[in-house]
Amino acid sequence: MRPRPQGGQQVGGGHERPHKHPCYYGIDTPTYNELIASKYSTKEIAKQIGADSLAYLSIDGLLKACKAKDEFCLACFNGDYVV
């Protein structure tokens, strides 16, 4: 997160979804212990990164933004690992 701008009133952040689960399918994502969203609430994360607010796109919103909805893996977001 960038430092608060000079004279800025608020700093906010946004992200597609909080990554709460590691990927076991070949993407190099951290363990549960290293994933901040697996341990802290959105408010706690915002505080840790120095933001006044933090928002995430819903899973439905994420899928609406993707063309290949049926091929999109959500395991890192929801913990549902497809075999």
Protein backbone atom coordinates (compact mmCIF):
# COMPACT_ATOMS: atom_id res chain seq x y z
CA MET A 1 0.00 0.00 0.00
CA ARG A 2 1.30 3.45 -0.82
CA PRO A 3 1.83 6.00 1.90
CA ARG A 4 -1.11 8.31 2.56
CA PRO A 5 -1.03 11.13 0.00
CA GLN A 6 -0.17 14.57 1.30
CA GLY A 7 -3.46 16.07 2.38
CA GLY A 8 -5.34 12.89 1.52
CA GLN A 9 -8.41 12.12 3.58
CA GLN A 10 -8.66 8.37 3.05
CA VAL A 11 -6.79 5.49 1.50
CA GLY A 12 -8.78 2.50 0.23
CA GLY A 13 -7.96 -0.73 -1.50
CA GLY A 14 -9.70 -3.32 -3.62
CA HIS A 15 -8.95 -6.86 -4.71
CA GLU A 16 -10.71 -9.61 -6.63
CA ARG A 17 -11.14 -11.92 -3.61
CA PRO A 18 -9.19 -12.68 -0.46
CA HIS A 19 -6.88 -15.64 -1.06
CA LYS A 20 -7.62 -17.80 1.98
CA HIS A 21 -6.42 -21.19 0.74
CA PRO A 22 -3.14 -22.38 -0.86
CA CYS A 23 -3.13 -23.79 -4.39
CA TYR A 24 -2.24 -27.46 -4.74
CA TYR A 25 -2.59 -27.42 -8.53
CA GLY A 26 0.73 -25.85 -9.50
CA ILE A 27 0.37 -22.15 -8.71
CA ASP A 28 3.01 -21.06 -6.22
CA THR A 29 0.81 -19.63 -3.47
CA PRO A 30 1.80 -19.58 0.18
CA THR A 31 0.71 -21.90 2.95
CA TYR A 32 -2.28 -21.08 5.16
CA ASN A 33 0.11 -19.54 7.66
CA GLU A 34 1.45 -17.12 5.02
CA LEU A 35 -1.94 -16.06 3.61
CA ILE A 36 -3.08 -12.97 5.48
CA ALA A 37 -6.75 -13.50 4.57
CA SER A 38 -6.77 -16.95 6.18
CA LYS A 39 -5.97 -15.39 9.56
CA TYR A 40 -7.42 -11.88 9.62
CA SER A 41 -10.72 -10.15 8.87
CA THR A 42 -11.02 -7.56 6.11
CA LYS A 43 -10.94 -4.76 8.71
CA GLU A 44 -7.80 -6.19 10.31
CA ILE A 45 -6.08 -6.48 6.91
CA ALA A 46 -6.98 -2.88 6.04
CA LYS A 47 -5.45 -1.74 9.32
CA GLN A 48 -2.27 -3.76 8.73
CA ILE A 49 -1.74 -2.30 5.25
CA GLY A 50 -2.58 1.24 6.32
CA ALA A 51 -5.87 1.54 4.41
CA ASP A 52 -9.03 3.14 5.74
CA SER A 53 -11.10 0.59 3.85
CA LEU A 54 -10.66 -2.60 1.87
CA ALA A 55 -13.23 -4.23 -0.41
CA TYR A 56 -13.38 -7.48 -2.33
CA LEU A 57 -15.30 -8.52 -5.40
CA SER A 58 -17.84 -11.26 -4.66
CA ILE A 59 -17.32 -14.70 -6.19
CA ASP A 60 -20.43 -14.09 -8.34
CA GLY A 61 -18.96 -10.77 -9.46
CA LEU A 62 -15.65 -12.44 -10.23
CA LEU A 63 -17.34 -15.13 -12.32
CA LYS A 64 -19.41 -12.52 -14.21
CA ALA A 65 -16.14 -10.84 -15.21
CA CYS A 66 -14.70 -14.09 -16.62
CA LYS A 67 -15.57 -15.52 -20.02
CA ALA A 68 -14.70 -19.16 -19.21
CA LYS A 69 -16.78 -19.45 -16.03
CA ASP A 70 -16.91 -23.24 -16.12
CA GLU A 71 -13.12 -23.50 -16.34
CA PHE A 72 -12.32 -21.10 -13.51
CA CYS A 73 -10.85 -22.66 -10.35
CA LEU A 74 -12.03 -21.02 -7.13
CA ALA A 75 -10.13 -23.20 -4.65
CA CYS A 76 -7.85 -20.42 -3.40
CA PHE A 77 -10.95 -18.32 -2.65
CA ASN A 78 -13.44 -20.86 -1.27
CA GLY A 79 -11.40 -23.97 -0.39
CA ASP A 80 -13.36 -26.24 -2.75
CA TYR A 81 -10.64 -28.32 -4.41
CA VAL A 82 -11.95 -30.09 -7.52
CA VAL A 83 -10.37 -33.46 -8.20
